[in-house]
Amino acid sequence: KPTRESLTEVITKLPDDAKSDNKYFVGFYDESRLIAIADLIIGYPDSESAFIGWYVVDGELQRKGIGSQIFADIRANLKALGYDYISLGCVKENEIAVKFWESQGFKATGEESISGKHTIAAYARDI
């Protein structure tokens, strides 16, 4: 029987070889309204890389360029911190997410895994 994870479990989840000190769960606000969240792990899977665990933009604001603007800021900050490469896993069946990440310059690496009913495809790009 599937179990539901608590929010704390979801936002603190890490790959086995990542360090908790390198994980950031960040909220982006428009004045006092939360408009997006990002789950970032820096220095993973290697010291020159960053990994996006979650990236969610408020549904009312999707397809308006806000997600792209926020992601551009994330990339600029990661580059300024010395990171050169960024990767993520995307639910292969989620065509909207796949199109978004590909529009951001990500390419599928060919690596895939199964998580529950979904296929997770690995994507990566230079920062």
Protein backbone atom coordinates (compact mmCIF):
# COMPACT_ATOMS: atom_id res chain seq x y z
CA LYS A 1 0.00 0.00 0.00
CA PRO A 2 1.50 3.40 -0.95
CA THR A 3 2.22 5.82 1.86
CA ARG A 4 2.01 9.59 1.76
CA GLU A 5 5.15 11.47 2.60
CA SER A 6 4.99 14.47 4.88
CA LEU A 7 6.05 17.85 3.51
CA THR A 8 9.13 17.69 5.72
CA GLU A 9 10.11 14.35 4.15
CA VAL A 10 9.59 15.71 0.65
CA ILE A 11 11.62 18.90 1.10
CA THR A 12 14.47 17.23 2.97
CA LYS A 13 14.85 14.22 0.65
CA LEU A 14 18.36 13.84 -0.77
CA PRO A 15 20.15 11.45 -3.09
CA ASP A 16 22.25 9.01 -1.05
CA ASP A 17 25.56 10.67 -1.86
CA ALA A 18 24.46 14.33 -1.44
CA LYS A 19 25.12 16.43 1.67
CA SER A 20 22.24 18.05 3.55
CA ASP A 21 24.34 21.22 3.99
CA ASN A 22 24.21 21.66 0.19
CA LYS A 23 20.42 21.48 -0.16
CA TYR A 24 18.32 24.62 -0.49
CA PHE A 25 14.54 24.78 -0.71
CA VAL A 26 13.89 28.32 -1.94
CA GLY A 27 10.69 30.33 -2.31
CA PHE A 28 10.31 33.15 -4.83
CA TYR A 29 7.86 35.90 -4.02
CA ASP A 30 6.08 38.73 -5.81
CA GLU A 31 5.68 41.07 -2.86
CA SER A 32 4.02 38.76 -0.30
CA ARG A 33 2.72 36.11 -2.74
CA LEU A 34 4.69 32.88 -3.17
CA ILE A 35 4.98 32.39 -6.94
CA ALA A 36 7.54 29.62 -7.29
CA ILE A 37 9.66 27.15 -5.34
CA ALA A 38 12.94 25.49 -6.21
CA ASP A 39 14.72 22.60 -4.55
CA LEU A 40 18.44 22.95 -5.32
CA ILE A 41 21.39 20.80 -4.38
CA ILE A 42 24.73 22.47 -5.03
CA GLY A 43 27.94 20.50 -5.42
CA TYR A 44 25.96 17.51 -6.68
CA PRO A 45 26.61 15.14 -8.37
CA ASP A 46 30.12 16.66 -8.37
CA SER A 47 31.76 19.82 -7.03
CA GLU A 48 31.19 21.81 -10.25
CA SER A 49 27.51 20.91 -10.61
CA ALA A 50 24.09 21.73 -9.22
CA PHE A 51 20.92 19.65 -9.29
CA ILE A 52 17.28 20.75 -9.38
CA GLY A 53 15.05 18.44 -7.39
CA TRP A 54 11.82 20.45 -7.69
CA TYR A 55 10.87 23.57 -9.61
CA VAL A 56 7.25 24.63 -9.40
CA VAL A 57 5.64 27.87 -10.61
CA ASP A 58 2.16 28.94 -9.49
CA GLY A 59 -0.31 27.52 -12.03
CA GLU A 60 -1.92 30.92 -12.65
CA LEU A 61 1.47 32.32 -13.67
CA GLN A 62 2.65 29.52 -15.94
CA ARG A 63 3.28 30.24 -19.64
CA LYS A 64 3.89 33.94 -18.91
CA GLY A 65 7.71 33.84 -18.86
CA ILE A 66 8.03 34.04 -15.07
CA GLY A 67 9.45 30.52 -14.73
CA SER A 68 12.06 31.32 -17.39
CA GLN A 69 12.98 34.60 -15.67
CA ILE A 70 13.39 32.94 -12.28
CA PHE A 71 15.41 30.11 -13.80
CA ALA A 72 17.69 32.65 -15.53
CA ASP A 73 18.32 34.23 -12.11
CA ILE A 74 19.03 30.83 -10.58
CA ARG A 75 21.54 30.07 -13.36
CA ALA A 76 23.23 33.47 -12.99
CA ASN A 77 23.61 32.98 -9.24
CA LEU A 78 24.95 29.45 -9.63
CA LYS A 79 27.45 30.66 -12.24
CA ALA A 80 28.56 33.47 -9.92
CA LEU A 81 29.14 30.85 -7.21
CA GLY A 82 31.41 28.90 -9.57
CA TYR A 83 29.12 26.12 -10.79
CA ASP A 84 29.35 25.12 -14.46
CA TYR A 85 26.77 22.40 -14.97
CA ILE A 86 23.17 21.79 -13.91
CA SER A 87 21.02 18.67 -14.09
CA LEU A 88 17.56 17.48 -13.14
CA GLY A 89 15.13 14.62 -13.46
CA CYS A 90 11.86 15.21 -15.31
CA VAL A 91 8.79 13.01 -15.49
CA LYS A 92 9.00 11.86 -19.10
CA GLU A 93 5.21 11.69 -19.47
CA ASN A 94 4.82 15.35 -18.38
CA GLU A 95 4.98 16.97 -21.83
CA ILE A 96 4.61 20.50 -20.47
CA ALA A 97 7.59 20.09 -18.13
CA VAL A 98 9.69 18.41 -20.82
CA LYS A 99 8.98 21.32 -23.23
CA PHE A 100 9.81 23.88 -20.53
CA TRP A 101 13.16 22.33 -19.65
CA GLU A 102 14.08 21.84 -23.29
CA SER A 103 13.23 25.52 -23.92
CA GLN A 104 15.69 26.33 -21.12
CA GLY A 105 18.50 24.59 -23.00
CA PHE A 106 18.38 21.20 -21.27
CA LYS A 107 19.05 18.05 -23.25
CA ALA A 108 18.07 14.51 -22.30
CA THR A 109 21.14 12.52 -21.25
CA GLY A 110 19.58 9.17 -22.14
CA GLU A 111 19.53 8.04 -18.50
CA GLU A 112 16.12 7.01 -17.19
CA SER A 113 14.72 5.50 -14.03
CA ILE A 114 11.31 4.36 -12.85
CA SER A 115 9.59 6.04 -9.90
CA GLY A 116 6.19 4.55 -9.14
CA LYS A 117 4.17 4.79 -12.35
CA HIS A 118 6.48 7.34 -13.97
CA THR A 119 9.65 7.29 -16.01
CA ILE A 120 12.14 9.92 -14.86
CA ALA A 121 14.41 11.18 -17.62
CA ALA A 122 17.70 12.87 -16.75
CA TYR A 123 18.34 16.27 -18.35
CA ALA A 124 21.43 18.46 -18.17
CA ARG A 125 23.03 21.61 -19.54
CA ASP A 126 25.99 23.89 -19.03
CA ILE A 127 25.17 26.87 -16.85
